[in-house]
Amino acid sequence: MNCHLFVYGTLRYMEKNHHYIKQGTCIAEQAWTNGSLFDWNDGYPAMTVDQDTVYGELYEIDEDLLPEIHKLEGYLGPEANDSLFEFVPVRVYTDTLAHDAFCYVIKPEQADGMKKIKSGDWKEYQFILNPPAETYYFAYGSCMDTERFQKAAVEHHFADVIGGGKAEKYSVKFTVTMEDGGRADLVEDGGSAEGILYRVPEEAVDYLYMREGVDSKTYRPAFIRVEIGEKVYEQCLTFTVIQKKEEFRPPSHYSTEILRGAEGRLGDEYVEKIRAYMNALPEYKP
């Protein structure tokens, strides 16, 4: 039999213990559940169940894999009182559906003295804790265009353009609304999104966090695979809307940025598709 497993730490894709669940099927790369995330301080995170948000991935795995994973997590069974982690049912949310799954958690009292990870995302926490000198950044909306980079005097940070790439399993939607209309979002819905892949320095990441409203919890950082021709770039930084709402047409200045950044660099068919999609959305009337 199979079961759904929500993973938020070292079992995640490209993390050191992912091989334990590599045989499973990834249902969602962008998944979350209610809880708080803590730094165990030895290269591992731990989660408690509460009303905050923890981000991770959702897998369908064969239950035959569980004994080895239980051993890794120090789970000794439902009757044991001295397990390191508990194995509990949780409700897991994705961009399209909600699922019942299992997850490894600790008791709230075990988190006493641990550092809370405010973002709720172990990958993002490590990324900020040990920032790389260079990062691949996937832009799918207005950041494909350079005009605002120039106005902010940061265009030199975005001069290394790898090229137009594809993010499979994702689509560009407009699920966040500002005072003048919709803004772009990358939604994991089984589609195929295109965008520009940059190689950027650490200073560019600081600018992107500010521009995307990470501190105000408008967008959150995410890490995805991007394909350019036959080459796959792993763990590319991008940004996705946290509270996805009804879509509205973006204002003309914003859609112009998207199209100006896309034309001649993304596929012609995709450019026309995104143009038609934006035009077909309802106008926002505050």
C-alpha atoms as a PDB file:
ATOM      1  CA  MET A   1       0.000   0.000   0.000  1.00  0.00           C
ATOM      2  CA  ASN A   2       0.982   3.603  -0.522  1.00  0.00           C
ATOM      3  CA  CYS A   3       0.766   6.595   1.781  1.00  0.00           C
ATOM      4  CA  HIS A   4       1.256  10.338   1.458  1.00  0.00           C
ATOM      5  CA  LEU A   5       4.272  11.777   3.269  1.00  0.00           C
ATOM      6  CA  PHE A   6       4.923  15.486   3.846  1.00  0.00           C
ATOM      7  CA  VAL A   7       8.639  16.261   4.136  1.00  0.00           C
ATOM      8  CA  TYR A   8      10.117  19.594   5.191  1.00  0.00           C
ATOM      9  CA  GLY A   9      13.799  18.975   5.945  1.00  0.00           C
ATOM     10  CA  THR A  10      16.548  16.595   4.900  1.00  0.00           C
ATOM     11  CA  LEU A  11      14.126  14.280   3.061  1.00  0.00           C
ATOM     12  CA  ARG A  12      13.338  17.038   0.548  1.00  0.00           C
ATOM     13  CA  TYR A  13      14.619  16.989  -3.023  1.00  0.00           C
ATOM     14  CA  MET A  14      18.388  17.629  -3.284  1.00  0.00           C
ATOM     15  CA  GLU A  15      18.772  17.307   0.499  1.00  0.00           C
ATOM     16  CA  LYS A  16      21.081  14.751   2.120  1.00  0.00           C
ATOM     17  CA  ASN A  17      18.436  12.157   3.052  1.00  0.00           C
ATOM     18  CA  HIS A  18      16.224  12.435  -0.028  1.00  0.00           C
ATOM     19  CA  HIS A  19      17.405   9.001  -1.197  1.00  0.00           C
ATOM     20  CA  TYR A  20      15.116   7.427   1.426  1.00  0.00           C
ATOM     21  CA  ILE A  21      12.060   8.512  -0.590  1.00  0.00           C
ATOM     22  CA  LYS A  22      13.583   8.765  -4.066  1.00  0.00           C
ATOM     23  CA  GLN A  23      11.458   5.808  -5.233  1.00  0.00           C
ATOM     24  CA  GLY A  24       8.283   7.711  -4.357  1.00  0.00           C
ATOM     25  CA  THR A  25       6.248  10.036  -6.551  1.00  0.00           C
ATOM     26  CA  CYS A  26       6.374  13.770  -5.924  1.00  0.00           C
ATOM     27  CA  ILE A  27       2.801  15.057  -5.790  1.00  0.00           C
ATOM     28  CA  ALA A  28       3.792  18.672  -5.120  1.00  0.00           C
ATOM     29  CA  GLU A  29       7.082  20.541  -4.847  1.00  0.00           C
ATOM     30  CA  GLN A  30       5.253  23.507  -3.289  1.00  0.00           C
ATOM     31  CA  ALA A  31       3.281  22.152  -0.341  1.00  0.00           C
ATOM     32  CA  TRP A  32       2.557  23.393   3.167  1.00  0.00           C
ATOM     33  CA  THR A  33       0.877  22.443   6.407  1.00  0.00           C
ATOM     34  CA  ASN A  34       0.086  24.062   9.754  1.00  0.00           C
ATOM     35  CA  GLY A  35       3.054  24.086  12.078  1.00  0.00           C
ATOM     36  CA  SER A  36       6.197  25.840  13.262  1.00  0.00           C
ATOM     37  CA  LEU A  37       9.706  24.996  12.096  1.00  0.00           C
ATOM     38  CA  PHE A  38      12.782  24.997  14.307  1.00  0.00           C
ATOM     39  CA  ASP A  39      16.527  24.616  13.834  1.00  0.00           C
ATOM     40  CA  TRP A  40      17.630  21.489  15.704  1.00  0.00           C
ATOM     41  CA  ASN A  41      21.143  22.983  15.560  1.00  0.00           C
ATOM     42  CA  ASP A  42      22.823  19.890  14.117  1.00  0.00           C
ATOM     43  CA  GLY A  43      21.915  20.241  10.454  1.00  0.00           C
ATOM     44  CA  TYR A  44      18.293  19.166  10.875  1.00  0.00           C
ATOM     45  CA  PRO A  45      14.984  20.977  11.317  1.00  0.00           C
ATOM     46  CA  ALA A  46      12.079  19.915  13.512  1.00  0.00           C
ATOM     47  CA  MET A  47       8.402  20.782  13.265  1.00  0.00           C
ATOM     48  CA  THR A  48       5.666  21.212  15.825  1.00  0.00           C
ATOM     49  CA  VAL A  49       1.973  21.234  14.955  1.00  0.00           C
ATOM     50  CA  ASP A  50       0.322  24.643  15.450  1.00  0.00           C
ATOM     51  CA  GLN A  51      -1.303  27.428  13.423  1.00  0.00           C
ATOM     52  CA  ASP A  52       1.770  28.813  11.633  1.00  0.00           C
ATOM     53  CA  THR A  53       2.941  27.502   8.251  1.00  0.00           C
ATOM     54  CA  VAL A  54       5.668  25.033   7.329  1.00  0.00           C
ATOM     55  CA  TYR A  55       6.646  24.581   3.678  1.00  0.00           C
ATOM     56  CA  GLY A  56       7.878  21.392   2.104  1.00  0.00           C
ATOM     57  CA  GLU A  57       7.078  18.709  -0.456  1.00  0.00           C
ATOM     58  CA  LEU A  58       4.390  16.055  -0.690  1.00  0.00           C
ATOM     59  CA  TYR A  59       5.198  12.503  -1.818  1.00  0.00           C
ATOM     60  CA  GLU A  60       3.333   9.282  -2.383  1.00  0.00           C
ATOM     61  CA  ILE A  61       5.521   6.422  -1.185  1.00  0.00           C
ATOM     62  CA  ASP A  62       5.239   2.685  -0.656  1.00  0.00           C
ATOM     63  CA  GLU A  63       4.625   1.902   3.008  1.00  0.00           C
ATOM     64  CA  ASP A  64       7.439  -0.643   2.769  1.00  0.00           C
ATOM     65  CA  LEU A  65       9.821   2.333   2.847  1.00  0.00           C
ATOM     66  CA  LEU A  66       8.546   3.540   6.213  1.00  0.00           C
ATOM     67  CA  PRO A  67      10.572   1.289   8.563  1.00  0.00           C
ATOM     68  CA  GLU A  68      13.860   2.763   7.319  1.00  0.00           C
ATOM     69  CA  ILE A  69      12.489   6.308   7.463  1.00  0.00           C
ATOM     70  CA  HIS A  70      11.117   5.697  10.972  1.00  0.00           C
ATOM     71  CA  LYS A  71      14.606   4.569  11.992  1.00  0.00           C
ATOM     72  CA  LEU A  72      16.151   7.703  10.490  1.00  0.00           C
ATOM     73  CA  GLU A  73      13.667   9.918  12.354  1.00  0.00           C
ATOM     74  CA  GLY A  74      13.937   8.062  15.651  1.00  0.00           C
ATOM     75  CA  TYR A  75      10.281   7.027  15.625  1.00  0.00           C
ATOM     76  CA  LEU A  76       9.833   3.871  17.724  1.00  0.00           C
ATOM     77  CA  GLY A  77       6.135   3.221  17.165  1.00  0.00           C
ATOM     78  CA  PRO A  78       2.774   4.488  18.453  1.00  0.00           C
ATOM     79  CA  GLU A  79       3.155   2.884  21.882  1.00  0.00           C
ATOM     80  CA  ALA A  80       6.642   4.233  22.602  1.00  0.00           C
ATOM     81  CA  ASN A  81       7.112   7.220  24.894  1.00  0.00           C
ATOM     82  CA  ASP A  82      10.731   7.929  24.019  1.00  0.00           C
ATOM     83  CA  SER A  83      10.590   8.494  20.258  1.00  0.00           C
ATOM     84  CA  LEU A  84      12.650  11.399  18.963  1.00  0.00           C
ATOM     85  CA  PHE A  85       9.921  12.270  16.432  1.00  0.00           C
ATOM     86  CA  GLU A  86       6.235  11.371  16.325  1.00  0.00           C
ATOM     87  CA  PHE A  87       4.565  10.146  13.122  1.00  0.00           C
ATOM     88  CA  VAL A  88       1.247  11.978  12.875  1.00  0.00           C
ATOM     89  CA  PRO A  89      -1.523  12.692  10.335  1.00  0.00           C
ATOM     90  CA  VAL A  90      -1.627  16.228   8.933  1.00  0.00           C
ATOM     91  CA  ARG A  91      -3.621  18.146   6.343  1.00  0.00           C
ATOM     92  CA  VAL A  92      -1.340  19.263   3.522  1.00  0.00           C
ATOM     93  CA  TYR A  93      -2.135  21.992   1.017  1.00  0.00           C
ATOM     94  CA  THR A  94      -0.853  22.500  -2.515  1.00  0.00           C
ATOM     95  CA  ASP A  95      -1.580  25.078  -5.197  1.00  0.00           C
ATOM     96  CA  THR A  96      -4.462  22.941  -6.484  1.00  0.00           C
ATOM     97  CA  LEU A  97      -5.686  20.508  -3.789  1.00  0.00           C
ATOM     98  CA  ALA A  98      -5.599  19.555  -0.126  1.00  0.00           C
ATOM     99  CA  HIS A  99      -4.395  16.090   0.910  1.00  0.00           C
ATOM    100  CA  ASP A 100      -4.315  13.929   4.010  1.00  0.00           C
ATOM    101  CA  ALA A 101      -0.757  12.858   4.745  1.00  0.00           C
ATOM    102  CA  PHE A 102       1.664  11.851   7.478  1.00  0.00           C
ATOM    103  CA  CYS A 103       4.543  13.880   8.853  1.00  0.00           C
ATOM    104  CA  TYR A 104       7.318  13.591  11.448  1.00  0.00           C
ATOM    105  CA  VAL A 105       6.947  16.142  14.258  1.00  0.00           C
ATOM    106  CA  ILE A 106       8.217  16.816  17.762  1.00  0.00           C
ATOM    107  CA  LYS A 107       6.273  17.721  20.888  1.00  0.00           C
ATOM    108  CA  PRO A 108       6.057  21.486  21.637  1.00  0.00           C
ATOM    109  CA  GLU A 109       8.121  21.109  24.813  1.00  0.00           C
ATOM    110  CA  GLN A 110      10.967  19.589  22.780  1.00  0.00           C
ATOM    111  CA  ALA A 111      11.262  22.881  20.872  1.00  0.00           C
ATOM    112  CA  ASP A 112      12.077  24.869  24.027  1.00  0.00           C
ATOM    113  CA  GLY A 113      15.355  26.682  23.437  1.00  0.00           C
ATOM    114  CA  MET A 114      15.406  25.967  19.703  1.00  0.00           C
ATOM    115  CA  LYS A 115      15.634  28.779  17.161  1.00  0.00           C
ATOM    116  CA  LYS A 116      12.371  29.237  15.262  1.00  0.00           C
ATOM    117  CA  ILE A 117      12.680  29.438  11.477  1.00  0.00           C
ATOM    118  CA  LYS A 118      10.411  32.386  10.701  1.00  0.00           C
ATOM    119  CA  SER A 119       9.992  31.625   6.998  1.00  0.00           C
ATOM    120  CA  GLY A 120       8.844  28.065   7.752  1.00  0.00           C
ATOM    121  CA  ASP A 121      11.053  26.856   4.899  1.00  0.00           C
ATOM    122  CA  TRP A 122      14.203  24.827   5.600  1.00  0.00           C
ATOM    123  CA  LYS A 123      15.632  25.323   2.102  1.00  0.00           C
ATOM    124  CA  GLU A 124      15.174  29.080   2.246  1.00  0.00           C
ATOM    125  CA  TYR A 125      16.591  29.200   5.779  1.00  0.00           C
ATOM    126  CA  GLN A 126      19.792  27.448   4.683  1.00  0.00           C
ATOM    127  CA  PHE A 127      19.984  29.658   1.595  1.00  0.00           C
ATOM    128  CA  ILE A 128      19.970  32.815   3.740  1.00  0.00           C
ATOM    129  CA  LEU A 129      22.168  31.325   6.475  1.00  0.00           C
ATOM    130  CA  ASN A 130      24.881  30.342   3.990  1.00  0.00           C
ATOM    131  CA  PRO A 131      24.281  32.506   0.914  1.00  0.00           C
ATOM    132  CA  PRO A 132      26.027  31.324  -2.238  1.00  0.00           C
ATOM    133  CA  ALA A 133      28.236  33.736  -4.148  1.00  0.00           C
ATOM    134  CA  GLU A 134      26.020  33.206  -7.195  1.00  0.00           C
ATOM    135  CA  THR A 135      22.414  32.090  -7.590  1.00  0.00           C
ATOM    136  CA  TYR A 136      20.329  31.050 -10.563  1.00  0.00           C
ATOM    137  CA  TYR A 137      17.180  33.188 -10.551  1.00  0.00           C
ATOM    138  CA  PHE A 138      14.100  32.399 -12.662  1.00  0.00           C
ATOM    139  CA  ALA A 139      12.004  35.436 -13.626  1.00  0.00           C
ATOM    140  CA  TYR A 140       8.585  34.839 -15.179  1.00  0.00           C
ATOM    141  CA  GLY A 141       6.896  38.236 -14.762  1.00  0.00           C
ATOM    142  CA  SER A 142       8.047  41.848 -14.753  1.00  0.00           C
ATOM    143  CA  CYS A 143      11.617  40.913 -13.759  1.00  0.00           C
ATOM    144  CA  MET A 144      12.138  39.553 -17.271  1.00  0.00           C
ATOM    145  CA  ASP A 145      12.324  43.235 -18.233  1.00  0.00           C
ATOM    146  CA  THR A 146      15.288  45.462 -17.320  1.00  0.00           C
ATOM    147  CA  GLU A 147      13.655  48.907 -17.056  1.00  0.00           C
ATOM    148  CA  ARG A 148      13.044  48.798 -13.299  1.00  0.00           C
ATOM    149  CA  PHE A 149      16.489  47.256 -12.763  1.00  0.00           C
ATOM    150  CA  GLN A 150      17.947  50.340 -14.455  1.00  0.00           C
ATOM    151  CA  LYS A 151      15.820  52.756 -12.420  1.00  0.00           C
ATOM    152  CA  ALA A 152      16.969  51.048  -9.215  1.00  0.00           C
ATOM    153  CA  ALA A 153      20.606  51.084 -10.439  1.00  0.00           C
ATOM    154  CA  VAL A 154      20.905  47.309 -10.075  1.00  0.00           C
ATOM    155  CA  GLU A 155      20.964  46.323 -13.753  1.00  0.00           C
ATOM    156  CA  HIS A 156      24.619  45.234 -13.449  1.00  0.00           C
ATOM    157  CA  HIS A 157      23.496  42.479 -11.062  1.00  0.00           C
ATOM    158  CA  PHE A 158      21.261  41.028 -13.788  1.00  0.00           C
ATOM    159  CA  ALA A 159      23.672  41.251 -16.720  1.00  0.00           C
ATOM    160  CA  ASP A 160      24.478  37.512 -16.746  1.00  0.00           C
ATOM    161  CA  VAL A 161      21.491  36.125 -18.656  1.00  0.00           C
ATOM    162  CA  ILE A 162      21.622  32.361 -19.130  1.00  0.00           C
ATOM    163  CA  GLY A 163      18.622  32.414 -21.473  1.00  0.00           C
ATOM    164  CA  GLY A 164      14.952  31.655 -21.840  1.00  0.00           C
ATOM    165  CA  GLY A 165      13.943  28.562 -19.889  1.00  0.00           C
ATOM    166  CA  LYS A 166      10.982  26.385 -18.983  1.00  0.00           C
ATOM    167  CA  ALA A 167       9.563  25.484 -15.577  1.00  0.00           C
ATOM    168  CA  GLU A 168       7.591  22.311 -16.152  1.00  0.00           C
ATOM    169  CA  LYS A 169       4.584  21.614 -13.891  1.00  0.00           C
ATOM    170  CA  TYR A 170       4.049  25.368 -13.419  1.00  0.00           C
ATOM    171  CA  SER A 171       1.897  28.079 -15.019  1.00  0.00           C
ATOM    172  CA  VAL A 172       1.985  31.857 -14.831  1.00  0.00           C
ATOM    173  CA  LYS A 173      -1.201  33.212 -13.265  1.00  0.00           C
ATOM    174  CA  PHE A 174      -2.173  36.573 -11.776  1.00  0.00           C
ATOM    175  CA  THR A 175      -3.338  35.619  -8.308  1.00  0.00           C
ATOM    176  CA  VAL A 176      -2.343  38.703  -6.330  1.00  0.00           C
ATOM    177  CA  THR A 177      -4.025  42.078  -6.813  1.00  0.00           C
ATOM    178  CA  MET A 178      -2.567  45.521  -6.164  1.00  0.00           C
ATOM    179  CA  GLU A 179      -4.452  48.822  -6.322  1.00  0.00           C
ATOM    180  CA  ASP A 180      -4.332  48.858 -10.130  1.00  0.00           C
ATOM    181  CA  GLY A 181      -4.750  45.193 -11.052  1.00  0.00           C
ATOM    182  CA  GLY A 182      -3.201  41.753 -11.002  1.00  0.00           C
ATOM    183  CA  ARG A 183       0.417  40.707 -10.599  1.00  0.00           C
ATOM    184  CA  ALA A 184       2.138  37.550 -11.824  1.00  0.00           C
ATOM    185  CA  ASP A 185       2.443  34.340  -9.844  1.00  0.00           C
ATOM    186  CA  LEU A 186       4.041  30.958 -10.529  1.00  0.00           C
ATOM    187  CA  VAL A 187       1.471  28.257  -9.776  1.00  0.00           C
ATOM    188  CA  GLU A 188       2.232  24.528  -9.591  1.00  0.00           C
ATOM    189  CA  ASP A 189      -0.716  23.193 -11.574  1.00  0.00           C
ATOM    190  CA  GLY A 190       0.816  20.818 -14.117  1.00  0.00           C
ATOM    191  CA  GLY A 191       1.359  23.448 -16.798  1.00  0.00           C
ATOM    192  CA  SER A 192       4.530  24.727 -18.449  1.00  0.00           C
ATOM    193  CA  ALA A 193       5.825  28.220 -17.720  1.00  0.00           C
ATOM    194  CA  GLU A 194       8.578  30.080 -19.517  1.00  0.00           C
ATOM    195  CA  GLY A 195      10.837  32.793 -18.206  1.00  0.00           C
ATOM    196  CA  ILE A 196      14.347  34.222 -18.121  1.00  0.00           C
ATOM    197  CA  LEU A 197      17.100  32.519 -16.136  1.00  0.00           C
ATOM    198  CA  TYR A 198      19.714  34.845 -14.671  1.00  0.00           C
ATOM    199  CA  ARG A 199      22.891  34.109 -12.743  1.00  0.00           C
ATOM    200  CA  VAL A 200      23.015  36.764 -10.046  1.00  0.00           C
ATOM    201  CA  PRO A 201      25.267  37.765  -7.119  1.00  0.00           C
ATOM    202  CA  GLU A 202      24.200  37.901  -3.492  1.00  0.00           C
ATOM    203  CA  GLU A 203      23.382  41.622  -3.767  1.00  0.00           C
ATOM    204  CA  ALA A 204      20.732  40.869  -6.388  1.00  0.00           C
ATOM    205  CA  VAL A 205      18.992  38.481  -4.006  1.00  0.00           C
ATOM    206  CA  ASP A 206      18.679  41.263  -1.419  1.00  0.00           C
ATOM    207  CA  TYR A 207      17.075  43.489  -4.063  1.00  0.00           C
ATOM    208  CA  LEU A 208      14.684  40.741  -5.176  1.00  0.00           C
ATOM    209  CA  TYR A 209      13.541  40.034  -1.616  1.00  0.00           C
ATOM    210  CA  MET A 210      12.708  43.721  -1.242  1.00  0.00           C
ATOM    211  CA  ARG A 211      11.019  44.039  -4.635  1.00  0.00           C
ATOM    212  CA  GLU A 212       8.897  40.908  -4.217  1.00  0.00           C
ATOM    213  CA  GLY A 213       7.657  41.887  -0.763  1.00  0.00           C
ATOM    214  CA  VAL A 214       9.066  38.880   1.072  1.00  0.00           C
ATOM    215  CA  ASP A 215       9.049  40.646   4.452  1.00  0.00           C
ATOM    216  CA  SER A 216       5.418  41.697   3.956  1.00  0.00           C
ATOM    217  CA  LYS A 217       4.553  38.088   3.035  1.00  0.00           C
ATOM    218  CA  THR A 218       3.247  38.906  -0.429  1.00  0.00           C
ATOM    219  CA  TYR A 219       5.583  36.486  -2.191  1.00  0.00           C
ATOM    220  CA  ARG A 220       7.817  33.798  -0.768  1.00  0.00           C
ATOM    221  CA  PRO A 221      11.054  32.385  -2.186  1.00  0.00           C
ATOM    222  CA  ALA A 222      10.879  28.935  -3.783  1.00  0.00           C
ATOM    223  CA  PHE A 223      13.416  26.694  -5.503  1.00  0.00           C
ATOM    224  CA  ILE A 224      12.598  24.940  -8.765  1.00  0.00           C
ATOM    225  CA  ARG A 225      14.109  23.131 -11.759  1.00  0.00           C
ATOM    226  CA  VAL A 226      14.506  25.111 -14.977  1.00  0.00           C
ATOM    227  CA  GLU A 227      15.203  23.570 -18.376  1.00  0.00           C
ATOM    228  CA  ILE A 228      17.052  25.320 -21.191  1.00  0.00           C
ATOM    229  CA  GLY A 229      17.291  22.999 -24.154  1.00  0.00           C
ATOM    230  CA  GLU A 230      18.740  19.722 -22.894  1.00  0.00           C
ATOM    231  CA  LYS A 231      20.279  21.257 -19.772  1.00  0.00           C
ATOM    232  CA  VAL A 232      18.558  21.252 -16.377  1.00  0.00           C
ATOM    233  CA  TYR A 233      19.368  23.867 -13.745  1.00  0.00           C
ATOM    234  CA  GLU A 234      18.510  22.729 -10.224  1.00  0.00           C
ATOM    235  CA  GLN A 235      17.477  24.777  -7.202  1.00  0.00           C
ATOM    236  CA  CYS A 236      16.767  27.980  -9.117  1.00  0.00           C
ATOM    237  CA  LEU A 237      15.402  30.784  -6.971  1.00  0.00           C
ATOM    238  CA  THR A 238      11.995  32.148  -7.891  1.00  0.00           C
ATOM    239  CA  PHE A 239       9.074  33.737  -6.044  1.00  0.00           C
ATOM    240  CA  THR A 240       5.497  32.554  -5.626  1.00  0.00           C
ATOM    241  CA  VAL A 241       2.442  34.269  -4.147  1.00  0.00           C
ATOM    242  CA  ILE A 242       1.522  33.121  -0.639  1.00  0.00           C
ATOM    243  CA  GLN A 243      -2.185  33.984  -0.535  1.00  0.00           C
ATOM    244  CA  LYS A 244      -3.477  33.157  -4.010  1.00  0.00           C
ATOM    245  CA  LYS A 245      -6.756  34.880  -4.825  1.00  0.00           C
ATOM    246  CA  GLU A 246      -9.032  35.551  -7.790  1.00  0.00           C
ATOM    247  CA  GLU A 247      -7.163  36.584 -10.925  1.00  0.00           C
ATOM    248  CA  PHE A 248      -7.468  40.044 -12.474  1.00  0.00           C
ATOM    249  CA  ARG A 249      -5.951  41.616 -15.567  1.00  0.00           C
ATOM    250  CA  PRO A 250      -2.633  43.337 -14.856  1.00  0.00           C
ATOM    251  CA  PRO A 251      -2.350  47.085 -15.560  1.00  0.00           C
ATOM    252  CA  SER A 252      -0.927  48.083 -18.931  1.00  0.00           C
ATOM    253  CA  HIS A 253       2.448  49.198 -17.548  1.00  0.00           C
ATOM    254  CA  TYR A 254       2.935  45.796 -15.908  1.00  0.00           C
ATOM    255  CA  SER A 255       1.819  43.719 -18.900  1.00  0.00           C
ATOM    256  CA  THR A 256       4.132  45.845 -21.057  1.00  0.00           C
ATOM    257  CA  GLU A 257       7.074  44.892 -18.838  1.00  0.00           C
ATOM    258  CA  ILE A 258       6.212  41.206 -19.141  1.00  0.00           C
ATOM    259  CA  LEU A 259       5.860  41.283 -22.917  1.00  0.00           C
ATOM    260  CA  ARG A 260       8.913  43.486 -23.433  1.00  0.00           C
ATOM    261  CA  GLY A 261      11.006  41.071 -21.387  1.00  0.00           C
ATOM    262  CA  ALA A 262       9.578  38.010 -23.130  1.00  0.00           C
ATOM    263  CA  GLU A 263       9.539  38.975 -26.810  1.00  0.00           C
ATOM    264  CA  GLY A 264      12.485  37.619 -28.761  1.00  0.00           C
ATOM    265  CA  ARG A 265      13.724  35.590 -25.781  1.00  0.00           C
ATOM    266  CA  LEU A 266      10.880  33.193 -25.024  1.00  0.00           C
ATOM    267  CA  GLY A 267       9.034  31.026 -27.523  1.00  0.00           C
ATOM    268  CA  ASP A 268       6.789  32.991 -29.882  1.00  0.00           C
ATOM    269  CA  GLU A 269       3.852  30.702 -29.139  1.00  0.00           C
ATOM    270  CA  TYR A 270       4.292  31.186 -25.400  1.00  0.00           C
ATOM    271  CA  VAL A 271       4.506  34.982 -25.756  1.00  0.00           C
ATOM    272  CA  GLU A 272       1.223  35.056 -27.657  1.00  0.00           C
ATOM    273  CA  LYS A 273      -0.322  32.695 -25.130  1.00  0.00           C
ATOM    274  CA  ILE A 274       0.572  34.908 -22.166  1.00  0.00           C
ATOM    275  CA  ARG A 275      -0.539  38.035 -24.055  1.00  0.00           C
ATOM    276  CA  ALA A 276      -3.944  36.492 -24.780  1.00  0.00           C
ATOM    277  CA  TYR A 277      -4.233  35.185 -21.222  1.00  0.00           C
ATOM    278  CA  MET A 278      -3.645  38.608 -19.686  1.00  0.00           C
ATOM    279  CA  ASN A 279      -6.082  40.291 -22.067  1.00  0.00           C
ATOM    280  CA  ALA A 280      -8.808  37.745 -21.283  1.00  0.00           C
ATOM    281  CA  LEU A 281      -8.696  38.327 -17.524  1.00  0.00           C
ATOM    282  CA  PRO A 282     -11.402  40.527 -15.975  1.00  0.00           C
ATOM    283  CA  GLU A 283     -10.502  44.127 -15.245  1.00  0.00           C
ATOM    284  CA  TYR A 284      -9.974  44.978 -11.585  1.00  0.00           C
ATOM    285  CA  LYS A 285     -12.439  47.567 -10.303  1.00  0.00           C
ATOM    286  CA  PRO A 286     -11.715  48.573  -6.688  1.00  0.00           C
END
